[in-house]
């Protein structure tokens, strides 16, 4: 199962891990590192394309303030967008090879 959500704090991610493990699921946190500038660019691009739900500016800024990178957390797959390890999932299923 894929739970696609911000999970901005370690506490939120730990809660998701606990729920998944209680259900007998293996857990991986996929962390795709992008710059703040790129995130802001995507926000503005989405407002023109309407591909996803719009995020208000104040919510975007709040997310930046409270975000805790998942450094040194268990079960994290850390991917830098644009690196050789980055393989977008658009149009294909997630496989064990992706993890």
PDB file of N, CA and C in Angstrom:
ATOM      1  N   UNK A   1       0.832  -1.155   0.000  1.00  0.00           N
ATOM      2  CA  UNK A   1       0.000   0.000   0.000  1.00  0.00           C
ATOM      3  C   UNK A   1       0.888   1.233   0.000  1.00  0.00           C
ATOM      4  N   UNK A   2       0.491   2.253  -0.721  1.00  0.00           N
ATOM      5  CA  UNK A   2       1.213   3.520  -0.731  1.00  0.00           C
ATOM      6  C   UNK A   2       0.350   4.565  -0.046  1.00  0.00           C
ATOM      7  N   UNK A   3       0.924   5.219   0.946  1.00  0.00           N
ATOM      8  CA  UNK A   3       0.257   6.300   1.657  1.00  0.00           C
ATOM      9  C   UNK A   3       0.971   7.578   1.251  1.00  0.00           C
ATOM     10  N   UNK A   4       0.400   8.301   0.319  1.00  0.00           N
ATOM     11  CA  UNK A   4       1.019   9.505  -0.239  1.00  0.00           C
ATOM     12  C   UNK A   4       0.532  10.714   0.554  1.00  0.00           C
ATOM     13  N   UNK A   5       1.399  11.217   1.400  1.00  0.00           N
ATOM     14  CA  UNK A   5       1.033  12.327   2.273  1.00  0.00           C
ATOM     15  C   UNK A   5       2.304  13.081   2.636  1.00  0.00           C
ATOM     16  N   UNK A   6       2.157  14.298   3.088  1.00  0.00           N
ATOM     17  CA  UNK A   6       3.318  15.104   3.455  1.00  0.00           C
ATOM     18  C   UNK A   6       4.140  14.507   4.579  1.00  0.00           C
ATOM     19  N   UNK A   7       3.470  14.030   5.646  1.00  0.00           N
ATOM     20  CA  UNK A   7       4.193  13.497   6.804  1.00  0.00           C
ATOM     21  C   UNK A   7       5.379  14.387   7.153  1.00  0.00           C
ATOM     22  N   UNK A   8       5.085  15.612   7.505  1.00  0.00           N
ATOM     23  CA  UNK A   8       6.112  16.634   7.673  1.00  0.00           C
ATOM     24  C   UNK A   8       6.991  16.431   8.898  1.00  0.00           C
ATOM     25  N   UNK A   9       6.492  15.751   9.924  1.00  0.00           N
ATOM     26  CA  UNK A   9       7.287  15.577  11.142  1.00  0.00           C
ATOM     27  C   UNK A   9       7.624  14.109  11.366  1.00  0.00           C
ATOM     28  N   UNK A  10       8.652  13.895  12.142  1.00  0.00           N
ATOM     29  CA  UNK A  10       9.037  12.530  12.507  1.00  0.00           C
ATOM     30  C   UNK A  10       7.885  11.859  13.246  1.00  0.00           C
ATOM     31  N   UNK A  11       7.209  12.601  14.099  1.00  0.00           N
ATOM     32  CA  UNK A  11       6.089  12.043  14.850  1.00  0.00           C
ATOM     33  C   UNK A  11       5.003  11.511  13.913  1.00  0.00           C
ATOM     34  N   UNK A  12       4.675  12.262  12.850  1.00  0.00           N
ATOM     35  CA  UNK A  12       3.667  11.801  11.885  1.00  0.00           C
ATOM     36  C   UNK A  12       4.136  10.529  11.187  1.00  0.00           C
ATOM     37  N   UNK A  13       5.403  10.510  10.774  1.00  0.00           N
ATOM     38  CA  UNK A  13       5.921   9.324  10.079  1.00  0.00           C
ATOM     39  C   UNK A  13       5.960   8.115  11.000  1.00  0.00           C
ATOM     40  N   UNK A  14       6.319   8.325  12.270  1.00  0.00           N
ATOM     41  CA  UNK A  14       6.336   7.210  13.221  1.00  0.00           C
ATOM     42  C   UNK A  14       4.932   6.651  13.435  1.00  0.00           C
ATOM     43  N   UNK A  15       3.935   7.527  13.467  1.00  0.00           N
ATOM     44  CA  UNK A  15       2.546   7.064  13.632  1.00  0.00           C
ATOM     45  C   UNK A  15       2.125   6.207  12.437  1.00  0.00           C
ATOM     46  N   UNK A  16       2.496   6.622  11.231  1.00  0.00           N
ATOM     47  CA  UNK A  16       2.169   5.834  10.032  1.00  0.00           C
ATOM     48  C   UNK A  16       2.897   4.504  10.067  1.00  0.00           C
ATOM     49  N   UNK A  17       4.162   4.516  10.480  1.00  0.00           N
ATOM     50  CA  UNK A  17       4.922   3.257  10.602  1.00  0.00           C
ATOM     51  C   UNK A  17       4.228   2.299  11.568  1.00  0.00           C
ATOM     52  N   UNK A  18       3.803   2.818  12.696  1.00  0.00           N
ATOM     53  CA  UNK A  18       3.164   1.985  13.713  1.00  0.00           C
ATOM     54  C   UNK A  18       1.869   1.361  13.188  1.00  0.00           C
ATOM     55  N   UNK A  19       1.056   2.141  12.505  1.00  0.00           N
ATOM     56  CA  UNK A  19      -0.197   1.626  11.931  1.00  0.00           C
ATOM     57  C   UNK A  19       0.095   0.545  10.900  1.00  0.00           C
ATOM     58  N   UNK A  20       1.067   0.802  10.031  1.00  0.00           N
ATOM     59  CA  UNK A  20       1.401  -0.166   8.978  1.00  0.00           C
ATOM     60  C   UNK A  20       1.935  -1.459   9.574  1.00  0.00           C
ATOM     61  N   UNK A  21       2.818  -1.350  10.539  1.00  0.00           N
ATOM     62  CA  UNK A  21       3.386  -2.563  11.148  1.00  0.00           C
ATOM     63  C   UNK A  21       2.323  -3.353  11.908  1.00  0.00           C
ATOM     64  N   UNK A  22       1.401  -2.652  12.559  1.00  0.00           N
ATOM     65  CA  UNK A  22       0.312  -3.330  13.274  1.00  0.00           C
ATOM     66  C   UNK A  22      -0.556  -4.121  12.306  1.00  0.00           C
ATOM     67  N   UNK A  23      -0.619  -3.679  11.059  1.00  0.00           N
ATOM     68  CA  UNK A  23      -1.388  -4.377  10.029  1.00  0.00           C
ATOM     69  C   UNK A  23      -0.551  -5.442   9.321  1.00  0.00           C
ATOM     70  N   UNK A  24       0.710  -5.600   9.744  1.00  0.00           N
ATOM     71  CA  UNK A  24       1.579  -6.617   9.155  1.00  0.00           C
ATOM     72  C   UNK A  24       2.278  -6.183   7.885  1.00  0.00           C
ATOM     73  N   UNK A  25       2.308  -4.892   7.620  1.00  0.00           N
ATOM     74  CA  UNK A  25       2.917  -4.395   6.383  1.00  0.00           C
ATOM     75  C   UNK A  25       4.393  -4.074   6.583  1.00  0.00           C
ATOM     76  N   UNK A  26       5.180  -4.286   5.536  1.00  0.00           N
ATOM     77  CA  UNK A  26       6.551  -3.778   5.508  1.00  0.00           C
ATOM     78  C   UNK A  26       6.463  -2.269   5.279  1.00  0.00           C
ATOM     79  N   UNK A  27       7.392  -1.534   5.842  1.00  0.00           N
ATOM     80  CA  UNK A  27       7.321  -0.077   5.770  1.00  0.00           C
ATOM     81  C   UNK A  27       8.550   0.480   5.086  1.00  0.00           C
ATOM     82  N   UNK A  28       8.318   1.387   4.167  1.00  0.00           N
ATOM     83  CA  UNK A  28       9.373   2.183   3.539  1.00  0.00           C
ATOM     84  C   UNK A  28       8.862   3.615   3.446  1.00  0.00           C
ATOM     85  N   UNK A  29       9.694   4.553   3.819  1.00  0.00           N
ATOM     86  CA  UNK A  29       9.391   5.967   3.616  1.00  0.00           C
ATOM     87  C   UNK A  29      10.218   6.395   2.418  1.00  0.00           C
ATOM     88  N   UNK A  30       9.556   6.825   1.374  1.00  0.00           N
ATOM     89  CA  UNK A  30      10.253   7.295   0.182  1.00  0.00           C
ATOM     90  C   UNK A  30      10.389   8.803   0.319  1.00  0.00           C
ATOM     91  N   UNK A  31      11.617   9.264   0.462  1.00  0.00           N
ATOM     92  CA  UNK A  31      11.892  10.693   0.634  1.00  0.00           C
ATOM     93  C   UNK A  31      12.562  11.194  -0.630  1.00  0.00           C
ATOM     94  N   UNK A  32      11.856  11.997  -1.382  1.00  0.00           N
ATOM     95  CA  UNK A  32      12.406  12.570  -2.611  1.00  0.00           C
ATOM     96  C   UNK A  32      12.820  13.998  -2.303  1.00  0.00           C
ATOM     97  N   UNK A  33      14.116  14.214  -2.294  1.00  0.00           N
ATOM     98  CA  UNK A  33      14.653  15.539  -1.973  1.00  0.00           C
ATOM     99  C   UNK A  33      14.508  16.469  -3.174  1.00  0.00           C
ATOM    100  N   UNK A  34      13.825  17.571  -2.940  1.00  0.00           N
ATOM    101  CA  UNK A  34      13.779  18.636  -3.940  1.00  0.00           C
ATOM    102  C   UNK A  34      14.024  19.947  -3.206  1.00  0.00           C
ATOM    103  N   UNK A  35      14.481  20.928  -3.937  1.00  0.00           N
ATOM    104  CA  UNK A  35      14.765  22.217  -3.320  1.00  0.00           C
ATOM    105  C   UNK A  35      13.460  22.968  -3.035  1.00  0.00           C
ATOM    106  N   UNK A  36      13.543  23.930  -2.133  1.00  0.00           N
ATOM    107  CA  UNK A  36      12.384  24.785  -1.851  1.00  0.00           C
ATOM    108  C   UNK A  36      11.979  25.528  -3.115  1.00  0.00           C
ATOM    109  N   UNK A  37      12.960  25.967  -3.890  1.00  0.00           N
ATOM    110  CA  UNK A  37      12.644  26.666  -5.141  1.00  0.00           C
ATOM    111  C   UNK A  37      11.855  25.773  -6.093  1.00  0.00           C
ATOM    112  N   UNK A  38      12.243  24.498  -6.193  1.00  0.00           N
ATOM    113  CA  UNK A  38      11.523  23.570  -7.065  1.00  0.00           C
ATOM    114  C   UNK A  38      10.116  23.314  -6.536  1.00  0.00           C
ATOM    115  N   UNK A  39       9.972  23.155  -5.232  1.00  0.00           N
ATOM    116  CA  UNK A  39       8.644  22.950  -4.650  1.00  0.00           C
ATOM    117  C   UNK A  39       7.744  24.146  -4.931  1.00  0.00           C
ATOM    118  N   UNK A  40       8.292  25.329  -4.777  1.00  0.00           N
ATOM    119  CA  UNK A  40       7.517  26.546  -5.043  1.00  0.00           C
ATOM    120  C   UNK A  40       7.142  26.633  -6.531  1.00  0.00           C
ATOM    121  N   UNK A  41       8.084  26.267  -7.400  1.00  0.00           N
ATOM    122  CA  UNK A  41       7.823  26.255  -8.851  1.00  0.00           C
ATOM    123  C   UNK A  41       6.683  25.287  -9.184  1.00  0.00           C
ATOM    124  N   UNK A  42       6.680  24.109  -8.566  1.00  0.00           N
ATOM    125  CA  UNK A  42       5.618  23.128  -8.799  1.00  0.00           C
ATOM    126  C   UNK A  42       4.267  23.630  -8.304  1.00  0.00           C
ATOM    127  N   UNK A  43       4.279  24.319  -7.174  1.00  0.00           N
ATOM    128  CA  UNK A  43       3.052  24.897  -6.638  1.00  0.00           C
ATOM    129  C   UNK A  43       2.447  25.877  -7.642  1.00  0.00           C
ATOM    130  N   UNK A  44       3.281  26.752  -8.164  1.00  0.00           N
ATOM    131  CA  UNK A  44       2.799  27.753  -9.117  1.00  0.00           C
ATOM    132  C   UNK A  44       2.381  27.120 -10.437  1.00  0.00           C
ATOM    133  N   UNK A  45       3.141  26.125 -10.892  1.00  0.00           N
ATOM    134  CA  UNK A  45       2.796  25.423 -12.135  1.00  0.00           C
ATOM    135  C   UNK A  45       1.465  24.692 -11.985  1.00  0.00           C
ATOM    136  N   UNK A  46       1.235  24.095 -10.814  1.00  0.00           N
ATOM    137  CA  UNK A  46      -0.023  23.391 -10.580  1.00  0.00           C
ATOM    138  C   UNK A  46      -1.210  24.351 -10.585  1.00  0.00           C
ATOM    139  N   UNK A  47      -0.999  25.553 -10.128  1.00  0.00           N
ATOM    140  CA  UNK A  47      -2.094  26.522 -10.132  1.00  0.00           C
ATOM    141  C   UNK A  47      -2.548  26.859 -11.542  1.00  0.00           C
ATOM    142  N   UNK A  48      -1.654  26.706 -12.500  1.00  0.00           N
ATOM    143  CA  UNK A  48      -2.036  26.923 -13.896  1.00  0.00           C
ATOM    144  C   UNK A  48      -2.619  25.661 -14.513  1.00  0.00           C
ATOM    145  N   UNK A  49      -2.028  24.511 -14.185  1.00  0.00           N
ATOM    146  CA  UNK A  49      -2.435  23.250 -14.815  1.00  0.00           C
ATOM    147  C   UNK A  49      -3.605  22.574 -14.098  1.00  0.00           C
ATOM    148  N   UNK A  50      -3.772  22.830 -12.823  1.00  0.00           N
ATOM    149  CA  UNK A  50      -4.822  22.203 -12.012  1.00  0.00           C
ATOM    150  C   UNK A  50      -4.723  20.678 -12.013  1.00  0.00           C
ATOM    151  N   UNK A  51      -3.486  20.160 -11.976  1.00  0.00           N
ATOM    152  CA  UNK A  51      -3.281  18.712 -11.944  1.00  0.00           C
ATOM    153  C   UNK A  51      -3.555  18.106 -10.574  1.00  0.00           C
ATOM    154  N   UNK A  52      -3.351  18.884  -9.523  1.00  0.00           N
ATOM    155  CA  UNK A  52      -3.540  18.414  -8.154  1.00  0.00           C
ATOM    156  C   UNK A  52      -4.279  19.479  -7.366  1.00  0.00           C
ATOM    157  N   UNK A  53      -4.683  19.097  -6.172  1.00  0.00           N
ATOM    158  CA  UNK A  53      -5.333  20.033  -5.262  1.00  0.00           C
ATOM    159  C   UNK A  53      -4.390  21.210  -4.990  1.00  0.00           C
ATOM    160  N   UNK A  54      -4.918  22.417  -4.994  1.00  0.00           N
ATOM    161  CA  UNK A  54      -4.105  23.599  -4.729  1.00  0.00           C
ATOM    162  C   UNK A  54      -3.783  23.689  -3.240  1.00  0.00           C
ATOM    163  N   UNK A  55      -2.585  24.132  -2.941  1.00  0.00           N
ATOM    164  CA  UNK A  55      -2.146  24.362  -1.571  1.00  0.00           C
ATOM    165  C   UNK A  55      -2.057  25.871  -1.380  1.00  0.00           C
ATOM    166  N   UNK A  56      -2.742  26.355  -0.363  1.00  0.00           N
ATOM    167  CA  UNK A  56      -2.713  27.793  -0.091  1.00  0.00           C
ATOM    168  C   UNK A  56      -1.293  28.213   0.289  1.00  0.00           C
ATOM    169  N   UNK A  57      -0.959  29.465   0.001  1.00  0.00           N
ATOM    170  CA  UNK A  57       0.376  29.971   0.306  1.00  0.00           C
ATOM    171  C   UNK A  57       0.716  29.832   1.785  1.00  0.00           C
ATOM    172  N   UNK A  58      -0.224  30.146   2.678  1.00  0.00           N
ATOM    173  CA  UNK A  58       0.059  30.042   4.112  1.00  0.00           C
ATOM    174  C   UNK A  58       0.294  28.592   4.528  1.00  0.00           C
ATOM    175  N   UNK A  59      -0.412  27.643   3.924  1.00  0.00           N
ATOM    176  CA  UNK A  59      -0.177  26.226   4.218  1.00  0.00           C
ATOM    177  C   UNK A  59       1.185  25.763   3.698  1.00  0.00           C
ATOM    178  N   UNK A  60       1.557  26.265   2.528  1.00  0.00           N
ATOM    179  CA  UNK A  60       2.869  25.932   1.960  1.00  0.00           C
ATOM    180  C   UNK A  60       3.982  26.432   2.883  1.00  0.00           C
ATOM    181  N   UNK A  61       3.871  27.673   3.324  1.00  0.00           N
ATOM    182  CA  UNK A  61       4.886  28.250   4.210  1.00  0.00           C
ATOM    183  C   UNK A  61       4.931  27.516   5.546  1.00  0.00           C
ATOM    184  N   UNK A  62       3.779  27.124   6.062  1.00  0.00           N
ATOM    185  CA  UNK A  62       3.735  26.379   7.315  1.00  0.00           C
ATOM    186  C   UNK A  62       4.430  25.023   7.164  1.00  0.00           C
ATOM    187  N   UNK A  63       4.196  24.364   6.040  1.00  0.00           N
ATOM    188  CA  UNK A  63       4.843  23.075   5.787  1.00  0.00           C
ATOM    189  C   UNK A  63       6.363  23.237   5.767  1.00  0.00           C
ATOM    190  N   UNK A  64       6.846  24.310   5.161  1.00  0.00           N
ATOM    191  CA  UNK A  64       8.288  24.560   5.137  1.00  0.00           C
ATOM    192  C   UNK A  64       8.835  24.766   6.547  1.00  0.00           C
ATOM    193  N   UNK A  65       8.071  25.436   7.377  1.00  0.00           N
ATOM    194  CA  UNK A  65       8.518  25.722   8.743  1.00  0.00           C
ATOM    195  C   UNK A  65       8.566  24.478   9.619  1.00  0.00           C
ATOM    196  N   UNK A  66       7.602  23.586   9.485  1.00  0.00           N
ATOM    197  CA  UNK A  66       7.520  22.435  10.388  1.00  0.00           C
ATOM    198  C   UNK A  66       8.192  21.176   9.852  1.00  0.00           C
ATOM    199  N   UNK A  67       8.611  21.183   8.583  1.00  0.00           N
ATOM    200  CA  UNK A  67       9.173  19.981   7.978  1.00  0.00           C
ATOM    201  C   UNK A  67      10.449  19.541   8.691  1.00  0.00           C
ATOM    202  N   UNK A  68      10.510  18.263   9.010  1.00  0.00           N
ATOM    203  CA  UNK A  68      11.694  17.633   9.585  1.00  0.00           C
ATOM    204  C   UNK A  68      12.168  16.556   8.611  1.00  0.00           C
ATOM    205  N   UNK A  69      13.308  16.758   7.959  1.00  0.00           N
ATOM    206  CA  UNK A  69      13.802  15.726   7.028  1.00  0.00           C
ATOM    207  C   UNK A  69      13.973  14.394   7.750  1.00  0.00           C
ATOM    208  N   UNK A  70      13.709  13.289   7.072  1.00  0.00           N
ATOM    209  CA  UNK A  70      13.792  11.979   7.727  1.00  0.00           C
ATOM    210  C   UNK A  70      15.212  11.436   7.809  1.00  0.00           C
ATOM    211  N   UNK A  71      16.156  12.288   8.159  1.00  0.00           N
ATOM    212  CA  UNK A  71      17.543  11.852   8.306  1.00  0.00           C
ATOM    213  C   UNK A  71      17.670  10.927   9.510  1.00  0.00           C
ATOM    214  N   UNK A  72      18.407   9.850   9.327  1.00  0.00           N
ATOM    215  CA  UNK A  72      18.678   8.868  10.382  1.00  0.00           C
ATOM    216  C   UNK A  72      17.417   8.203  10.926  1.00  0.00           C
ATOM    217  N   UNK A  73      16.383   8.123  10.106  1.00  0.00           N
ATOM    218  CA  UNK A  73      15.168   7.390  10.490  1.00  0.00           C
ATOM    219  C   UNK A  73      15.216   6.010   9.850  1.00  0.00           C
ATOM    220  N   UNK A  74      14.554   5.042  10.487  1.00  0.00           N
ATOM    221  CA  UNK A  74      14.545   3.691   9.900  1.00  0.00           C
ATOM    222  C   UNK A  74      13.671   3.643   8.646  1.00  0.00           C
ATOM    223  N   UNK A  75      13.983   2.700   7.778  1.00  0.00           N
ATOM    224  CA  UNK A  75      13.131   2.376   6.631  1.00  0.00           C
ATOM    225  C   UNK A  75      12.979   3.517   5.626  1.00  0.00           C
ATOM    226  N   UNK A  76      13.977   4.389   5.503  1.00  0.00           N
ATOM    227  CA  UNK A  76      13.883   5.521   4.580  1.00  0.00           C
ATOM    228  C   UNK A  76      14.673   5.223   3.311  1.00  0.00           C
ATOM    229  N   UNK A  77      14.003   5.407   2.177  1.00  0.00           N
ATOM    230  CA  UNK A  77      14.664   5.357   0.879  1.00  0.00           C
ATOM    231  C   UNK A  77      14.810   6.815   0.454  1.00  0.00           C
ATOM    232  N   UNK A  78      16.037   7.290   0.439  1.00  0.00           N
ATOM    233  CA  UNK A  78      16.334   8.695   0.178  1.00  0.00           C
ATOM    234  C   UNK A  78      16.751   8.854  -1.275  1.00  0.00           C
ATOM    235  N   UNK A  79      15.967   9.599  -2.030  1.00  0.00           N
ATOM    236  CA  UNK A  79      16.218   9.774  -3.454  1.00  0.00           C
ATOM    237  C   UNK A  79      16.324  11.261  -3.759  1.00  0.00           C
ATOM    238  N   UNK A  80      17.339  11.627  -4.507  1.00  0.00           N
ATOM    239  CA  UNK A  80      17.486  13.006  -4.942  1.00  0.00           C
ATOM    240  C   UNK A  80      16.941  13.103  -6.357  1.00  0.00           C
ATOM    241  N   UNK A  81      15.924  13.956  -6.531  1.00  0.00           N
ATOM    242  CA  UNK A  81      15.333  14.108  -7.856  1.00  0.00           C
ATOM    243  C   UNK A  81      16.404  14.563  -8.832  1.00  0.00           C
ATOM    244  N   UNK A  82      16.420  13.946  -9.987  1.00  0.00           N
ATOM    245  CA  UNK A  82      17.413  14.266 -11.010  1.00  0.00           C
ATOM    246  C   UNK A  82      18.632  13.364 -10.960  1.00  0.00           C
ATOM    247  N   UNK A  83      18.769  12.568  -9.872  1.00  0.00           N
ATOM    248  CA  UNK A  83      19.896  11.646  -9.764  1.00  0.00           C
ATOM    249  C   UNK A  83      19.606  10.382 -10.573  1.00  0.00           C
ATOM    250  N   UNK A  84      20.622   9.549 -10.714  1.00  0.00           N
ATOM    251  CA  UNK A  84      20.452   8.288 -11.444  1.00  0.00           C
ATOM    252  C   UNK A  84      19.455   7.370 -10.745  1.00  0.00           C
ATOM    253  N   UNK A  85      19.297   7.529  -9.420  1.00  0.00           N
ATOM    254  CA  UNK A  85      18.370   6.685  -8.662  1.00  0.00           C
ATOM    255  C   UNK A  85      16.917   7.098  -8.822  1.00  0.00           C
ATOM    256  N   UNK A  86      16.674   8.287  -9.344  1.00  0.00           N
ATOM    257  CA  UNK A  86      15.312   8.801  -9.446  1.00  0.00           C
ATOM    258  C   UNK A  86      14.641   8.239 -10.690  1.00  0.00           C
ATOM    259  N   UNK A  87      13.541   7.493 -10.462  1.00  0.00           N
ATOM    260  CA  UNK A  87      12.775   6.911 -11.568  1.00  0.00           C
ATOM    261  C   UNK A  87      11.314   7.233 -11.316  1.00  0.00           C
ATOM    262  N   UNK A  88      10.771   8.210 -12.014  1.00  0.00           N
ATOM    263  CA  UNK A  88       9.356   8.563 -11.793  1.00  0.00           C
ATOM    264  C   UNK A  88       8.443   7.360 -11.988  1.00  0.00           C
ATOM    265  N   UNK A  89       7.368   7.309 -11.206  1.00  0.00           N
ATOM    266  CA  UNK A  89       6.427   6.193 -11.275  1.00  0.00           C
ATOM    267  C   UNK A  89       5.298   6.434 -12.257  1.00  0.00           C
ATOM    268  N   UNK A  90       5.225   7.603 -12.825  1.00  0.00           N
ATOM    269  CA  UNK A  90       4.123   7.936 -13.709  1.00  0.00           C
ATOM    270  C   UNK A  90       3.947   6.872 -14.780  1.00  0.00           C
ATOM    271  N   UNK A  91       2.757   6.281 -14.799  1.00  0.00           N
ATOM    272  CA  UNK A  91       2.438   5.307 -15.831  1.00  0.00           C
ATOM    273  C   UNK A  91       2.937   3.901 -15.559  1.00  0.00           C
ATOM    274  N   UNK A  92       3.484   3.647 -14.366  1.00  0.00           N
ATOM    275  CA  UNK A  92       3.933   2.288 -14.055  1.00  0.00           C
ATOM    276  C   UNK A  92       3.742   2.010 -12.576  1.00  0.00           C
ATOM    277  N   UNK A  93       3.774   0.747 -12.230  1.00  0.00           N
ATOM    278  CA  UNK A  93       3.568   0.340 -10.843  1.00  0.00           C
ATOM    279  C   UNK A  93       4.871   0.372 -10.069  1.00  0.00           C
ATOM    280  N   UNK A  94       4.782   0.572  -8.767  1.00  0.00           N
ATOM    281  CA  UNK A  94       5.916   0.501  -7.870  1.00  0.00           C
ATOM    282  C   UNK A  94       6.283  -0.957  -7.680  1.00  0.00           C
ATOM    283  N   UNK A  95       7.549  -1.300  -7.793  1.00  0.00           N
ATOM    284  CA  UNK A  95       7.998  -2.675  -7.620  1.00  0.00           C
ATOM    285  C   UNK A  95       9.069  -2.732  -6.538  1.00  0.00           C
ATOM    286  N   UNK A  96       9.428  -3.951  -6.136  1.00  0.00           N
ATOM    287  CA  UNK A  96      10.511  -4.122  -5.159  1.00  0.00           C
ATOM    288  C   UNK A  96      11.804  -3.510  -5.666  1.00  0.00           C
ATOM    289  N   UNK A  97      11.999  -3.466  -6.962  1.00  0.00           N
ATOM    290  CA  UNK A  97      13.211  -2.875  -7.531  1.00  0.00           C
ATOM    291  C   UNK A  97      13.284  -1.384  -7.226  1.00  0.00           C
ATOM    292  N   UNK A  98      12.152  -0.732  -7.028  1.00  0.00           N
ATOM    293  CA  UNK A  98      12.144   0.683  -6.713  1.00  0.00           C
ATOM    294  C   UNK A  98      12.549   0.950  -5.270  1.00  0.00           C
ATOM    295  N   UNK A  99      12.456  -0.054  -4.426  1.00  0.00           N
ATOM    296  CA  UNK A  99      12.728   0.131  -3.016  1.00  0.00           C
ATOM    297  C   UNK A  99      14.075  -0.402  -2.675  1.00  0.00           C
TER     298      UNK A  99
END
